[in-house]
Amino acid sequence: MQIGEKIKTERIKKKISLRELSRKLEISAAYLVDIEKGRRPPNYELLQKISDLLDIPISTLNKYNLEMPRHIRDWIEKHPFFSRLFKFALKQQDPFKTIEELETVLPVAQQVTFAAIYESELQAMGLESSSWETETGGDLFGVWQDIPIIYLATRAGQKAIRDSTHFRLDVDYLIKISSELSNEWGLRYFGDWHSHHKLGLNSPSAGDRDRIKRLAEKNNFGEMIEFVTTFSNESRKDRIVQVHPFVYKNFPAANPSGLSLIVLKGLSPVREALMIRKRMPEQRLDSYSIFQIEKIKVPEEQLGRVSGNEGSPQKIISDKVLLNSGIEFRRVSSKDIEIHQTSFGHILAVPVEDEQYVAFAVDSNWPHKVLQVDWIDRKTGKTTELDIKDAGLSLVNLDKVIQCYKSVKESRS
């Protein structure tokens, strides 16, 4: 049974209609049908909502969710050992239990762990590391799934403490931005990154490991990630920033292991959206481009560079943008909105009054440009395309789209 079939079975068992569940999930009925028929997998946040509404433990749903990014699947197929292992596990009655049993007997060297990160976030770490002659650092935020994806690497807050052999985060600032990134983007705090300028150490120190362990215990994290940056030479002009990634998986033991990176080409969609919306000005989010990606060295990339503008990494944030748009439009209009999936993307029909709507046709591709704006009057059955002067509307810059809705509503009142 696939995850969509499991959701449909539980929905019918609890006598919840397709329309009722889609309304509570704040997605279109067509989107829910796609999920139930296996055409589109739900992202983690939507899966959590489904879990809550249908009263199914998230661990139960995860047992049916065997989706993985296409580039990871392609890599597995090219490596016979992992391909045979994966296919063998899928044939078993309980694939996840089988994998857990295999992990106990396989040599540690055969257990490969990956994380994905955008080039822009490596550049941001490189720029911040190179801007100080003392240790410095920041934090890592992303979505933790089979392959954790890092969408944002931040600079530390103003109260951070830096010296030649020590760096301490601004905890109050970390709490503030963690809340914002969690609420708006569904990003989890992964851990921190920091530089070792003069320690001659390219792995977490004993103090680093103790700090991560305390953070994990405080936040009930089962796993965390930490990056250490070092330099190839002392010359600020020509030096290469070397990134050493580590993962902690076996708390309360705090012994990190090496992490293989999948580098996603280009700009993180979260950084891009925050830049467009002019959020977090203290982060100087657009400054990442000053640092050339060629001056960053990471461990051997077993999968090579892959596109960050399509596939699972982009879809997770695109789904979040669409969900947030629905929530915000409902708040502004004080009415339930309609979201319809189309061949080109989505149509968001935002109510005005008496079966009248402002409808936004939105492109499926990032940054989800508004292709057309229509006035819909269902009483008369007429739809009129509106002449909107701002051709740069997109869901990424949601404030401008909402202002467009308000202007149309006011002019039609």
Protein backbone atom coordinates (compact mmCIF):
# COMPACT_ATOMS: atom_id res chain seq x y z
CA MET A 1 0.00 0.00 0.00
CA GLN A 2 1.27 3.48 -0.92
CA ILE A 3 0.91 6.49 1.35
CA GLY A 4 -1.93 7.95 -0.74
CA GLU A 5 -3.94 4.75 -0.42
CA LYS A 6 -3.36 4.72 3.35
CA ILE A 7 -4.63 8.32 3.66
CA LYS A 8 -7.73 7.54 1.57
CA THR A 9 -8.48 4.38 3.56
CA GLU A 10 -8.25 6.22 6.90
CA ARG A 11 -10.30 9.16 5.59
CA ILE A 12 -13.12 6.88 4.48
CA LYS A 13 -12.94 4.84 7.69
CA LYS A 14 -13.41 8.05 9.73
CA LYS A 15 -16.24 9.18 7.38
CA ILE A 16 -14.48 12.41 6.33
CA SER A 17 -15.32 13.60 2.83
CA LEU A 18 -12.66 14.56 0.30
CA ARG A 19 -13.87 18.17 0.27
CA GLU A 20 -13.98 18.41 4.08
CA LEU A 21 -10.43 17.08 4.53
CA SER A 22 -9.01 19.28 1.75
CA ARG A 23 -10.64 22.34 3.35
CA LYS A 24 -9.13 21.53 6.75
CA LEU A 25 -5.74 20.94 5.14
CA GLU A 26 -6.08 24.26 3.27
CA ILE A 27 -5.38 22.64 -0.10
CA SER A 28 -7.58 22.09 -3.13
CA ALA A 29 -9.64 18.92 -3.48
CA ALA A 30 -7.74 18.25 -6.73
CA TYR A 31 -4.44 18.34 -4.84
CA LEU A 32 -5.78 15.85 -2.27
CA VAL A 33 -6.98 13.55 -5.07
CA ASP A 34 -3.47 13.66 -6.56
CA ILE A 35 -2.01 12.67 -3.17
CA GLU A 36 -4.46 9.80 -2.70
CA LYS A 37 -3.80 8.51 -6.22
CA GLY A 38 -0.03 8.72 -5.76
CA ARG A 39 0.51 11.40 -8.40
CA ARG A 40 1.98 13.91 -5.92
CA PRO A 41 3.61 13.04 -2.58
CA PRO A 42 2.77 15.29 0.41
CA ASN A 43 5.60 17.29 1.94
CA TYR A 44 6.52 16.84 5.59
CA GLU A 45 4.38 19.69 6.91
CA LEU A 46 1.30 18.52 5.01
CA LEU A 47 1.96 14.98 6.17
CA GLN A 48 2.03 16.22 9.77
CA LYS A 49 -1.33 17.99 9.25
CA ILE A 50 -2.84 14.82 7.77
CA SER A 51 -1.50 12.88 10.74
CA ASP A 52 -3.17 15.28 13.17
CA LEU A 53 -6.53 15.46 11.37
CA LEU A 54 -6.87 11.71 10.79
CA ASP A 55 -5.34 10.83 14.16
CA ILE A 56 -2.64 8.61 12.61
CA PRO A 57 0.85 8.59 14.17
CA ILE A 58 3.33 10.26 11.83
CA SER A 59 5.57 7.20 12.20
CA THR A 60 2.78 5.06 10.73
CA LEU A 61 2.39 7.33 7.71
CA ASN A 62 6.15 7.42 7.19
CA LYS A 63 6.16 3.64 6.77
CA TYR A 64 4.18 4.09 3.57
CA ASN A 65 6.17 7.07 2.31
CA LEU A 66 8.97 5.55 0.24
CA GLU A 67 9.51 8.56 -2.02
CA MET A 68 13.01 9.95 -2.53
CA PRO A 69 14.49 12.67 -4.77
CA ARG A 70 15.06 11.55 -8.38
CA HIS A 71 18.81 12.30 -8.35
CA ILE A 72 19.26 10.15 -5.23
CA ARG A 73 17.34 7.30 -6.82
CA ASP A 74 19.47 7.57 -9.97
CA TRP A 75 22.66 7.43 -7.88
CA ILE A 76 21.46 4.31 -6.02
CA GLU A 77 20.74 2.59 -9.33
CA LYS A 78 24.33 3.23 -10.48
CA HIS A 79 25.80 1.58 -7.35
CA PRO A 80 24.98 -2.16 -7.38
CA PHE A 81 25.40 -2.75 -3.63
CA PHE A 82 22.97 -0.01 -2.58
CA SER A 83 20.60 -0.85 -5.43
CA ARG A 84 20.37 -4.51 -4.37
CA LEU A 85 20.01 -3.55 -0.72
CA PHE A 86 17.20 -1.07 -1.42
CA LYS A 87 15.26 -3.42 -3.71
CA PHE A 88 15.62 -6.26 -1.21
CA ALA A 89 14.24 -4.08 1.61
CA LEU A 90 11.24 -2.94 -0.44
CA LYS A 91 10.21 -6.56 -1.08
CA GLN A 92 9.98 -7.33 2.63
CA GLN A 93 6.74 -7.11 4.61
CA ASP A 94 8.15 -4.28 6.77
CA PRO A 95 10.88 -2.46 4.73
CA PHE A 96 11.87 -0.06 7.52
CA LYS A 97 12.29 -2.85 10.08
CA THR A 98 14.38 -4.79 7.55
CA ILE A 99 16.66 -1.78 6.99
CA GLU A 100 17.07 -1.29 10.76
CA GLU A 101 18.07 -4.95 11.14
CA LEU A 102 20.54 -4.69 8.28
CA GLU A 103 22.11 -1.59 9.85
CA THR A 104 23.04 -3.60 12.94
CA VAL A 105 25.11 -6.09 10.92
CA LEU A 106 26.55 -3.87 8.18
CA PRO A 107 30.02 -2.36 8.70
CA VAL A 108 29.89 1.32 9.64
CA ALA A 109 31.86 2.18 6.50
CA GLN A 110 28.91 1.02 4.35
CA GLN A 111 26.43 3.37 6.03
CA VAL A 112 26.42 6.52 3.91
CA THR A 113 24.76 9.70 5.20
CA PHE A 114 23.93 12.63 2.94
CA ALA A 115 22.71 16.19 3.38
CA ALA A 116 21.91 18.73 0.66
CA ILE A 117 22.85 22.40 0.71
CA TYR A 118 22.50 25.25 -1.79
CA GLU A 119 25.59 26.93 -3.26
CA SER A 120 24.33 30.27 -1.93
CA GLU A 121 24.54 28.98 1.65
CA LEU A 122 28.10 27.73 1.15
CA GLN A 123 28.96 31.18 -0.24
CA ALA A 124 27.35 32.86 2.79
CA MET A 125 29.50 30.77 5.15
CA GLY A 126 32.58 31.45 3.06
CA LEU A 127 32.00 35.21 3.11
CA GLU A 128 31.38 35.36 6.86
CA SER A 129 34.36 33.13 7.66
CA SER A 130 36.67 35.27 5.52
CA SER A 131 35.39 38.55 6.98
CA TRP A 132 36.87 37.89 10.43
CA GLU A 133 40.34 37.21 11.79
CA THR A 134 38.73 35.57 14.81
CA GLU A 135 36.45 32.55 14.98
CA THR A 136 32.93 33.25 13.80
CA GLY A 137 29.86 31.33 12.77
CA GLY A 138 26.10 31.11 12.51
CA ASP A 139 23.27 28.62 12.26
CA LEU A 140 21.85 26.08 9.82
CA PHE A 141 18.13 25.76 9.06
CA GLY A 142 16.31 23.34 6.80
CA VAL A 143 13.89 20.47 6.36
CA TRP A 144 14.94 17.18 7.92
CA GLN A 145 13.81 14.21 5.85
CA ASP A 146 15.59 11.15 4.38
CA ILE A 147 18.07 13.58 2.87
CA PRO A 148 18.17 16.70 5.11
CA ILE A 149 18.12 19.91 3.03
CA ILE A 150 19.79 23.09 4.31
CA TYR A 151 17.95 26.14 3.00
CA LEU A 152 19.60 28.85 5.08
CA ALA A 153 23.00 29.39 6.70
CA THR A 154 22.84 32.52 8.84
CA ARG A 155 25.28 34.97 10.40
CA ALA A 156 25.38 35.18 14.19
CA GLY A 157 23.50 37.89 16.08
CA GLN A 158 25.05 41.11 17.40
CA LYS A 159 25.73 39.66 20.87
CA ALA A 160 27.86 36.77 19.59
CA ILE A 161 31.28 36.44 21.21
CA ARG A 162 34.32 35.94 18.95
CA ASP A 163 38.00 35.50 19.73
CA SER A 164 40.97 33.70 18.18
CA THR A 165 40.08 30.23 19.53
CA HIS A 166 36.45 30.51 20.63
CA PHE A 167 33.04 31.45 19.28
CA ARG A 168 29.75 31.74 21.17
CA LEU A 169 26.38 32.29 19.50
CA ASP A 170 23.90 35.02 20.35
CA VAL A 171 21.29 32.66 21.84
CA ASP A 172 18.51 35.28 22.11
CA TYR A 173 18.88 36.07 18.41
CA LEU A 174 18.93 32.37 17.52
CA ILE A 175 15.63 31.83 19.37
CA LYS A 176 14.07 34.79 17.55
CA ILE A 177 14.97 33.74 14.01
CA SER A 178 14.31 30.04 14.74
CA SER A 179 10.73 30.93 15.61
CA GLU A 180 10.31 33.06 12.49
CA LEU A 181 11.78 30.46 10.13
CA SER A 182 9.74 27.69 11.71
CA ASN A 183 6.43 29.55 11.60
CA GLU A 184 6.79 31.00 8.10
CA TRP A 185 8.78 28.33 6.29
CA GLY A 186 8.56 25.14 8.33
CA LEU A 187 12.35 25.08 8.74
CA ARG A 188 13.97 23.21 11.59
CA TYR A 189 17.12 24.25 13.41
CA PHE A 190 19.78 21.77 12.30
CA GLY A 191 22.73 23.03 14.34
CA ASP A 192 25.49 25.56 13.82
CA TRP A 193 28.44 26.25 11.60
CA HIS A 194 31.62 27.98 12.80
CA SER A 195 35.18 28.63 11.75
CA HIS A 196 38.41 27.30 13.22
CA HIS A 197 40.80 30.08 12.26
CA LYS A 198 43.91 29.13 14.21
CA LEU A 199 43.14 25.87 16.01
CA GLY A 200 44.49 23.65 13.23
CA LEU A 201 41.40 21.48 13.79
CA ASN A 202 39.03 20.52 10.95
CA SER A 203 36.52 18.68 13.13
CA PRO A 204 34.32 19.66 16.12
CA SER A 205 36.28 20.26 19.32
CA ALA A 206 35.32 18.67 22.64
CA GLY A 207 33.55 21.90 23.58
CA ASP A 208 31.64 21.87 20.27
CA ARG A 209 30.46 18.31 20.88
CA ASP A 210 29.31 19.09 24.41
CA ARG A 211 27.39 22.16 23.19
CA ILE A 212 25.60 20.17 20.46
CA LYS A 213 24.74 17.44 22.97
CA ARG A 214 23.18 19.98 25.35
CA LEU A 215 21.19 21.56 22.51
CA ALA A 216 19.90 18.16 21.41
CA GLU A 217 18.79 17.28 24.93
CA LYS A 218 17.09 20.67 25.43
CA ASN A 219 15.19 20.52 22.12
CA ASN A 220 14.62 16.76 22.02
CA PHE A 221 16.48 16.40 18.71
CA GLY A 222 17.45 12.90 17.64
CA GLU A 223 20.06 14.18 15.20
CA MET A 224 21.88 17.43 14.41
CA ILE A 225 24.36 18.80 11.89
CA GLU A 226 27.49 20.89 12.42
CA PHE A 227 29.85 22.45 9.86
CA VAL A 228 33.43 23.51 10.59
CA THR A 229 35.19 25.90 8.18
CA THR A 230 38.96 26.20 7.85
CA PHE A 231 41.32 27.93 5.42
CA SER A 232 43.81 26.61 2.88
CA ASN A 233 46.37 29.34 3.65
CA GLU A 234 46.87 32.55 5.64
CA SER A 235 46.45 34.99 2.72
CA ARG A 236 42.98 36.55 2.91
CA LYS A 237 43.05 37.36 -0.81
CA ASP A 238 43.76 33.89 -2.23
CA ARG A 239 42.72 31.44 0.46
CA ILE A 240 40.13 28.74 -0.10
CA VAL A 241 37.46 28.14 2.55
CA GLN A 242 37.20 24.45 3.31
CA VAL A 243 33.86 23.16 4.65
CA HIS A 244 33.91 20.07 6.89
CA PRO A 245 30.37 18.73 7.51
CA PHE A 246 29.45 16.42 10.40
CA VAL A 247 26.28 14.74 11.63
CA TYR A 248 25.36 13.65 15.16
CA LYS A 249 23.05 10.63 15.08
CA ASN A 250 23.39 8.71 18.33
CA PHE A 251 22.52 11.02 21.21
CA PRO A 252 23.21 11.03 24.14
CA ALA A 253 26.60 9.94 22.76
CA ALA A 254 28.14 13.01 21.13
CA ASN A 255 30.53 11.51 18.58
CA PRO A 256 29.92 13.05 15.16
CA SER A 257 30.56 11.26 11.89
CA GLY A 258 31.46 12.67 8.48
CA LEU A 259 28.67 13.85 6.21
CA SER A 260 28.55 13.60 2.40
CA LEU A 261 27.15 16.74 0.78
CA ILE A 262 24.84 17.09 -2.20
CA VAL A 263 25.43 20.61 -3.49
CA LEU A 264 22.34 22.18 -5.08
CA LYS A 265 23.17 24.72 -7.77
CA GLY A 266 22.21 28.34 -7.36
CA LEU A 267 20.27 30.39 -4.85
CA SER A 268 18.23 28.89 -2.01
CA PRO A 269 14.53 29.68 -2.51
CA VAL A 270 14.22 30.65 1.16
CA ARG A 271 17.08 33.15 0.93
CA GLU A 272 15.61 34.49 -2.32
CA ALA A 273 12.14 34.92 -0.79
CA LEU A 274 13.51 36.64 2.30
CA MET A 275 15.52 38.99 0.08
CA ILE A 276 12.48 39.88 -2.03
CA ARG A 277 10.36 40.45 1.07
CA LYS A 278 13.16 42.50 2.68
CA ARG A 279 13.15 40.34 5.81
CA MET A 280 16.05 39.96 8.26
CA PRO A 281 17.98 43.06 7.06
CA GLU A 282 20.63 42.40 9.72
CA GLN A 283 21.59 39.24 7.81
CA ARG A 284 22.58 41.16 4.66
CA LEU A 285 21.14 38.23 2.72
CA ASP A 286 22.15 39.47 -0.73
CA SER A 287 25.83 39.78 0.20
CA TYR A 288 26.44 36.02 -0.30
CA SER A 289 27.13 36.63 -4.02
CA ILE A 290 30.29 38.62 -3.19
CA PHE A 291 32.04 35.35 -2.32
CA GLN A 292 32.81 33.17 -5.33
CA ILE A 293 31.63 29.58 -5.15
CA GLU A 294 34.99 28.54 -6.67
CA LYS A 295 36.64 29.58 -3.39
CA ILE A 296 34.66 26.97 -1.46
CA LYS A 297 35.95 23.43 -1.11
CA VAL A 298 33.71 20.64 0.17
CA PRO A 299 34.31 16.90 0.59
CA GLU A 300 34.09 14.82 -2.57
CA GLU A 301 30.64 15.25 -4.09
CA GLN A 302 29.63 11.70 -4.89
CA LEU A 303 26.56 12.83 -6.82
CA GLY A 304 28.03 15.93 -8.48
CA ARG A 305 26.22 19.28 -8.63
CA VAL A 306 22.47 18.99 -9.17
CA SER A 307 19.83 21.61 -9.92
CA GLY A 308 18.26 23.32 -6.94
CA ASN A 309 15.45 24.84 -9.02
CA GLU A 310 13.41 21.69 -9.47
CA GLY A 311 12.59 18.41 -7.79
CA SER A 312 12.11 17.74 -4.08
CA PRO A 313 14.18 20.63 -2.63
CA GLN A 314 12.28 23.27 -4.60
CA LYS A 315 8.87 21.60 -4.23
CA ILE A 316 9.04 21.61 -0.43
CA ILE A 317 9.35 25.41 -0.35
CA SER A 318 6.92 25.91 -3.25
CA ASP A 319 4.26 23.98 -1.34
CA LYS A 320 4.95 26.12 1.72
CA VAL A 321 4.60 29.33 -0.32
CA LEU A 322 1.24 28.14 -1.69
CA LEU A 323 0.00 27.09 1.76
CA ASN A 324 1.05 30.41 3.32
CA SER A 325 -0.64 32.31 0.50
CA GLY A 326 -3.90 30.50 1.22
CA ILE A 327 -3.66 31.19 4.94
CA GLU A 328 -2.83 34.88 4.45
CA PHE A 329 -5.57 35.45 1.86
CA ARG A 330 -8.10 33.82 4.16
CA ARG A 331 -6.98 36.16 6.95
CA VAL A 332 -7.29 39.23 4.71
CA SER A 333 -10.62 38.28 3.13
CA SER A 334 -12.14 36.65 6.26
CA LYS A 335 -13.46 33.92 3.95
CA ASP A 336 -12.31 30.51 2.72
CA ILE A 337 -10.41 30.77 -0.54
CA GLU A 338 -10.31 28.27 -3.38
CA ILE A 339 -7.08 26.79 -4.73
CA HIS A 340 -7.39 24.92 -8.02
CA GLN A 341 -4.57 22.97 -9.62
CA THR A 342 -4.12 23.51 -13.37
CA SER A 343 -1.78 22.47 -16.15
CA PHE A 344 0.20 25.72 -15.74
CA GLY A 345 0.15 25.87 -11.93
CA HIS A 346 -2.69 27.02 -9.68
CA ILE A 347 -5.62 29.41 -9.58
CA LEU A 348 -6.27 31.17 -6.27
CA ALA A 349 -9.86 32.44 -6.13
CA VAL A 350 -10.14 34.94 -3.28
CA PRO A 351 -13.73 35.90 -2.28
CA VAL A 352 -14.89 39.49 -2.21
CA GLU A 353 -18.67 39.24 -1.61
CA ASP A 354 -21.87 37.72 -3.07
CA GLU A 355 -20.11 35.06 -5.14
CA GLN A 356 -17.61 37.54 -6.53
CA TYR A 357 -13.91 36.70 -6.56
CA VAL A 358 -10.51 38.01 -7.53
CA ALA A 359 -8.71 35.11 -9.19
CA PHE A 360 -4.93 34.88 -9.54
CA ALA A 361 -3.51 32.49 -12.13
CA VAL A 362 -0.10 31.44 -10.78
CA ASP A 363 2.80 29.76 -12.59
CA SER A 364 3.96 26.40 -11.22
CA ASN A 365 7.64 27.37 -11.59
CA TRP A 366 9.57 29.38 -9.01
CA PRO A 367 9.07 32.22 -8.11
CA HIS A 368 5.40 31.47 -8.97
CA LYS A 369 4.61 34.54 -11.05
CA VAL A 370 1.05 35.79 -11.33
CA LEU A 371 0.22 35.17 -14.99
CA GLN A 372 -3.21 36.78 -15.01
CA VAL A 373 -5.74 38.42 -12.68
CA ASP A 374 -9.48 38.00 -13.28
CA TRP A 375 -12.71 39.30 -11.76
CA ILE A 376 -15.19 36.43 -11.41
CA ASP A 377 -18.92 36.97 -10.88
CA ARG A 378 -20.62 33.62 -10.47
CA LYS A 379 -24.09 35.16 -10.26
CA THR A 380 -23.85 36.40 -13.84
CA GLY A 381 -21.41 33.72 -14.97
CA LYS A 382 -18.97 36.35 -16.26
CA THR A 383 -15.18 36.41 -15.96
CA THR A 384 -13.26 39.56 -16.82
CA GLU A 385 -9.49 39.81 -17.17
CA LEU A 386 -8.16 42.78 -15.23
CA ASP A 387 -5.49 45.16 -16.48
CA ILE A 388 -2.90 44.98 -13.71
CA LYS A 389 -0.02 47.40 -14.25
CA ASP A 390 2.49 45.54 -12.04
CA ALA A 391 3.73 42.68 -14.22
CA GLY A 392 6.18 41.47 -11.58
CA LEU A 393 3.65 39.97 -9.17
CA SER A 394 4.59 36.61 -7.67
CA LEU A 395 3.62 34.53 -4.64
CA VAL A 396 7.15 34.92 -3.33
CA ASN A 397 6.39 38.62 -2.89
CA LEU A 398 3.00 37.92 -1.32
CA ASP A 399 2.56 41.40 0.18
CA LYS A 400 2.29 42.92 -3.30
CA VAL A 401 -0.23 40.30 -4.43
CA ILE A 402 -2.37 41.00 -1.37
CA GLN A 403 -2.17 44.72 -2.05
CA CYS A 404 -3.35 44.00 -5.61
CA TYR A 405 -6.36 42.09 -4.20
CA LYS A 406 -7.22 44.96 -1.85
CA SER A 407 -6.98 47.51 -4.66
CA VAL A 408 -9.29 45.49 -6.92
CA LYS A 409 -11.75 44.94 -4.07
CA GLU A 410 -11.83 48.65 -3.25
CA SER A 411 -12.28 49.70 -6.88
CA ARG A 412 -15.19 47.27 -7.32
CA SER A 413 -16.98 48.16 -4.09
